[in-house]
Amino acid sequence: MPNLDIVLSGEKSASTDTLGEALGSMDGSAFFAGLAFSVPLQNSSEKFASEAAKASYTKQQHDYNAARITSKNALQQYIVARGCYPRQSER
């Protein structure tokens, strides 16, 4: 979102040898007034955070599906290894 600020500043100055003299003879003055206008080029941080979150979610989905497949295969191998299927003599 564009931003428009009013900028006001002022200064008093003196050039003497001691602080006491400078405070007593502040003869220089300068005042400034202006506008500062800024427009962000992009919402880069929000955009990158959103893209990072999407990438993380996609990776988590992939990891979850891979774990499901791995656990299903492991369960099938366990069933075969334990001989949970009816034995020849029990048929």
N, C-alpha and C. Protein backbone atom coordinates (compact mmCIF):
# COMPACT_ATOMS: atom_id res chain seq x y z
N MET A 1 0.85 -1.16 0.00
CA MET A 1 0.00 0.00 0.00
C MET A 1 0.91 1.23 0.00
N PRO A 2 0.62 2.21 -0.81
CA PRO A 2 1.43 3.43 -0.84
C PRO A 2 1.38 4.16 0.50
N ASN A 3 2.44 4.89 0.78
CA ASN A 3 2.55 5.60 2.05
C ASN A 3 2.97 7.04 1.77
N LEU A 4 2.28 8.00 2.38
CA LEU A 4 2.62 9.42 2.25
C LEU A 4 2.79 9.99 3.65
N ASP A 5 3.99 10.49 3.93
CA ASP A 5 4.30 11.06 5.24
C ASP A 5 4.66 12.53 5.09
N ILE A 6 4.26 13.32 6.09
CA ILE A 6 4.71 14.71 6.17
C ILE A 6 5.96 14.71 7.05
N VAL A 7 7.00 15.32 6.55
CA VAL A 7 8.26 15.35 7.27
C VAL A 7 8.57 16.79 7.67
N LEU A 8 8.75 17.01 8.95
CA LEU A 8 9.10 18.32 9.48
C LEU A 8 10.34 18.15 10.35
N SER A 9 11.30 19.04 10.19
CA SER A 9 12.47 18.99 11.06
C SER A 9 13.04 20.39 11.20
N GLY A 10 13.77 20.57 12.25
CA GLY A 10 14.41 21.86 12.48
C GLY A 10 15.66 21.67 13.29
N GLU A 11 16.53 22.65 13.21
CA GLU A 11 17.75 22.59 14.00
C GLU A 11 18.22 24.00 14.34
N LYS A 12 18.85 24.07 15.45
CA LYS A 12 19.50 25.32 15.88
C LYS A 12 20.98 24.98 15.99
N SER A 13 21.81 25.91 15.61
CA SER A 13 23.24 25.64 15.67
C SER A 13 24.01 26.85 16.16
N ALA A 14 25.17 26.56 16.70
CA ALA A 14 26.09 27.61 17.15
C ALA A 14 27.50 27.05 17.03
N SER A 15 28.43 27.89 16.79
CA SER A 15 29.82 27.43 16.70
C SER A 15 30.68 28.27 17.64
N THR A 16 30.89 27.72 18.81
CA THR A 16 31.74 28.36 19.82
C THR A 16 32.62 27.30 20.44
N ASP A 17 33.48 27.73 21.34
CA ASP A 17 34.44 26.82 21.94
C ASP A 17 33.87 26.00 23.09
N THR A 18 32.87 26.52 23.81
CA THR A 18 32.34 25.80 24.96
C THR A 18 30.84 25.59 24.82
N LEU A 19 30.35 24.63 25.55
CA LEU A 19 28.92 24.31 25.51
C LEU A 19 28.09 25.48 26.05
N GLY A 20 28.54 26.08 27.11
CA GLY A 20 27.81 27.21 27.69
C GLY A 20 27.67 28.36 26.72
N GLU A 21 28.74 28.69 26.02
CA GLU A 21 28.68 29.76 25.03
C GLU A 21 27.77 29.38 23.86
N ALA A 22 27.83 28.12 23.46
CA ALA A 22 27.01 27.66 22.34
C ALA A 22 25.53 27.74 22.68
N LEU A 23 25.17 27.34 23.91
CA LEU A 23 23.76 27.39 24.31
C LEU A 23 23.27 28.83 24.39
N GLY A 24 24.15 29.75 24.74
CA GLY A 24 23.77 31.15 24.85
C GLY A 24 23.71 31.89 23.52
N SER A 25 24.37 31.36 22.52
CA SER A 25 24.42 32.10 21.25
C SER A 25 24.00 31.25 20.05
N MET A 26 22.91 30.59 20.17
CA MET A 26 22.43 29.77 19.05
C MET A 26 21.84 30.68 17.99
N ASP A 27 22.67 31.03 17.05
CA ASP A 27 22.22 31.98 16.04
C ASP A 27 21.83 31.32 14.72
N GLY A 28 22.25 30.09 14.51
CA GLY A 28 21.91 29.42 13.26
C GLY A 28 20.61 28.66 13.38
N SER A 29 19.75 28.79 12.41
CA SER A 29 18.48 28.08 12.40
C SER A 29 18.25 27.48 11.02
N ALA A 30 17.70 26.31 11.02
CA ALA A 30 17.33 25.69 9.75
C ALA A 30 16.05 24.90 9.98
N PHE A 31 15.12 25.03 9.08
CA PHE A 31 13.85 24.32 9.17
C PHE A 31 13.57 23.65 7.83
N PHE A 32 13.03 22.47 7.90
CA PHE A 32 12.74 21.71 6.69
C PHE A 32 11.31 21.18 6.78
N ALA A 33 10.62 21.20 5.70
CA ALA A 33 9.28 20.61 5.61
C ALA A 33 9.17 19.93 4.26
N GLY A 34 8.52 18.80 4.23
CA GLY A 34 8.37 18.11 2.96
C GLY A 34 7.45 16.92 3.08
N LEU A 35 7.32 16.21 2.00
CA LEU A 35 6.51 15.00 1.92
C LEU A 35 7.42 13.85 1.52
N ALA A 36 7.18 12.72 2.11
CA ALA A 36 7.90 11.50 1.74
C ALA A 36 6.88 10.50 1.24
N PHE A 37 6.99 10.13 0.00
CA PHE A 37 6.06 9.19 -0.64
C PHE A 37 6.80 7.90 -0.94
N SER A 38 6.21 6.77 -0.57
CA SER A 38 6.83 5.48 -0.86
C SER A 38 5.78 4.49 -1.32
N VAL A 39 6.19 3.66 -2.25
CA VAL A 39 5.33 2.60 -2.78
C VAL A 39 6.13 1.31 -2.75
N PRO A 40 5.65 0.29 -2.02
CA PRO A 40 6.38 -0.98 -2.03
C PRO A 40 6.31 -1.61 -3.42
N LEU A 41 7.43 -2.16 -3.85
CA LEU A 41 7.46 -2.80 -5.16
C LEU A 41 6.61 -4.06 -5.18
N GLN A 42 6.70 -4.86 -4.13
CA GLN A 42 5.91 -6.08 -4.02
C GLN A 42 5.78 -6.39 -2.54
N ASN A 43 4.87 -7.25 -2.24
CA ASN A 43 4.79 -7.80 -0.89
C ASN A 43 5.66 -9.05 -0.87
N SER A 44 6.95 -8.85 -1.04
CA SER A 44 7.88 -9.96 -1.20
C SER A 44 7.87 -10.92 -0.03
N SER A 45 7.94 -10.41 1.18
CA SER A 45 8.04 -11.32 2.33
C SER A 45 6.79 -12.18 2.46
N GLU A 46 5.61 -11.59 2.25
CA GLU A 46 4.37 -12.36 2.34
C GLU A 46 4.31 -13.39 1.21
N LYS A 47 4.73 -12.98 0.02
CA LYS A 47 4.69 -13.88 -1.13
C LYS A 47 5.62 -15.08 -0.90
N PHE A 48 6.85 -14.82 -0.44
CA PHE A 48 7.79 -15.90 -0.21
C PHE A 48 7.35 -16.79 0.95
N ALA A 49 6.76 -16.21 1.97
CA ALA A 49 6.26 -17.01 3.10
C ALA A 49 5.14 -17.93 2.64
N SER A 50 4.26 -17.42 1.78
CA SER A 50 3.17 -18.23 1.25
C SER A 50 3.70 -19.37 0.39
N GLU A 51 4.67 -19.07 -0.46
CA GLU A 51 5.25 -20.11 -1.31
C GLU A 51 5.98 -21.16 -0.48
N ALA A 52 6.67 -20.73 0.56
CA ALA A 52 7.37 -21.67 1.44
C ALA A 52 6.37 -22.57 2.16
N ALA A 53 5.26 -22.00 2.61
CA ALA A 53 4.23 -22.79 3.30
C ALA A 53 3.62 -23.82 2.35
N LYS A 54 3.36 -23.42 1.11
CA LYS A 54 2.81 -24.37 0.13
C LYS A 54 3.78 -25.49 -0.15
N ALA A 55 5.07 -25.16 -0.30
CA ALA A 55 6.08 -26.18 -0.56
C ALA A 55 6.20 -27.14 0.62
N SER A 56 6.14 -26.60 1.83
CA SER A 56 6.21 -27.44 3.02
C SER A 56 5.01 -28.38 3.10
N TYR A 57 3.84 -27.86 2.80
CA TYR A 57 2.62 -28.68 2.83
C TYR A 57 2.70 -29.80 1.80
N THR A 58 3.16 -29.47 0.59
CA THR A 58 3.28 -30.48 -0.46
C THR A 58 4.26 -31.56 -0.04
N LYS A 59 5.39 -31.16 0.56
CA LYS A 59 6.38 -32.15 1.02
C LYS A 59 5.78 -33.04 2.11
N GLN A 60 5.03 -32.45 3.03
CA GLN A 60 4.42 -33.24 4.10
C GLN A 60 3.42 -34.24 3.53
N GLN A 61 2.65 -33.81 2.52
CA GLN A 61 1.71 -34.75 1.88
C GLN A 61 2.48 -35.90 1.23
N HIS A 62 3.56 -35.56 0.53
CA HIS A 62 4.37 -36.59 -0.13
C HIS A 62 4.95 -37.56 0.90
N ASP A 63 5.51 -37.03 2.00
CA ASP A 63 6.09 -37.86 3.04
C ASP A 63 5.03 -38.75 3.69
N TYR A 64 3.84 -38.22 3.90
CA TYR A 64 2.75 -38.99 4.49
C TYR A 64 2.36 -40.15 3.58
N ASN A 65 2.18 -39.85 2.29
CA ASN A 65 1.80 -40.90 1.35
C ASN A 65 2.89 -41.96 1.23
N ALA A 66 4.15 -41.54 1.24
CA ALA A 66 5.25 -42.51 1.18
C ALA A 66 5.27 -43.38 2.42
N ALA A 67 4.99 -42.79 3.59
CA ALA A 67 4.95 -43.56 4.83
C ALA A 67 3.80 -44.55 4.81
N ARG A 68 2.65 -44.14 4.27
CA ARG A 68 1.51 -45.06 4.16
C ARG A 68 1.85 -46.26 3.30
N ILE A 69 2.47 -46.01 2.15
CA ILE A 69 2.83 -47.10 1.24
C ILE A 69 3.86 -48.01 1.89
N THR A 70 4.85 -47.42 2.57
CA THR A 70 5.89 -48.21 3.23
C THR A 70 5.29 -49.07 4.33
N SER A 71 4.40 -48.50 5.13
CA SER A 71 3.80 -49.28 6.23
C SER A 71 2.89 -50.37 5.69
N LYS A 72 2.19 -50.12 4.60
CA LYS A 72 1.33 -51.14 4.00
C LYS A 72 2.18 -52.30 3.49
N ASN A 73 3.29 -51.97 2.82
CA ASN A 73 4.18 -53.02 2.32
C ASN A 73 4.80 -53.80 3.48
N ALA A 74 5.18 -53.11 4.54
CA ALA A 74 5.77 -53.78 5.69
C ALA A 74 4.76 -54.71 6.35
N LEU A 75 3.52 -54.28 6.45
CA LEU A 75 2.48 -55.13 7.03
C LEU A 75 2.25 -56.38 6.18
N GLN A 76 2.23 -56.21 4.87
CA GLN A 76 2.05 -57.36 3.99
C GLN A 76 3.21 -58.34 4.14
N GLN A 77 4.43 -57.83 4.22
CA GLN A 77 5.59 -58.70 4.40
C GLN A 77 5.54 -59.41 5.74
N TYR A 78 5.09 -58.73 6.78
CA TYR A 78 4.97 -59.35 8.10
C TYR A 78 3.95 -60.48 8.08
N ILE A 79 2.82 -60.23 7.43
CA ILE A 79 1.78 -61.26 7.36
C ILE A 79 2.32 -62.50 6.65
N VAL A 80 3.03 -62.30 5.55
CA VAL A 80 3.59 -63.43 4.82
C VAL A 80 4.65 -64.12 5.66
N ALA A 81 5.52 -63.37 6.32
CA ALA A 81 6.61 -63.95 7.11
C ALA A 81 6.08 -64.72 8.32
N ARG A 82 5.02 -64.24 8.95
CA ARG A 82 4.46 -64.91 10.12
C ARG A 82 3.63 -66.12 9.73
N GLY A 83 3.34 -66.22 8.47
CA GLY A 83 2.54 -67.34 8.04
C GLY A 83 1.10 -67.23 8.51
N CYS A 84 0.60 -66.03 8.49
CA CYS A 84 -0.77 -65.80 8.97
C CYS A 84 -1.81 -66.36 8.00
N TYR A 85 -1.38 -66.76 6.84
CA TYR A 85 -2.30 -67.38 5.92
C TYR A 85 -2.54 -68.82 6.38
N PRO A 86 -3.67 -69.39 6.06
CA PRO A 86 -3.91 -70.80 6.50
C PRO A 86 -2.81 -71.72 6.00
N ARG A 87 -2.41 -72.59 6.90
CA ARG A 87 -1.36 -73.54 6.56
C ARG A 87 -1.94 -74.63 5.67
N GLN A 88 -1.05 -75.31 4.98
CA GLN A 88 -1.47 -76.39 4.08
C GLN A 88 -2.28 -77.44 4.82
N SER A 89 -1.85 -77.79 6.04
CA SER A 89 -2.51 -78.87 6.81
C SER A 89 -3.89 -78.43 7.32
N GLU A 90 -4.14 -77.12 7.45
CA GLU A 90 -5.41 -76.64 7.99
C GLU A 90 -6.46 -76.47 6.90
N ARG A 91 -6.10 -76.60 5.66
CA ARG A 91 -7.07 -76.41 4.58
C ARG A 91 -7.97 -77.57 4.40
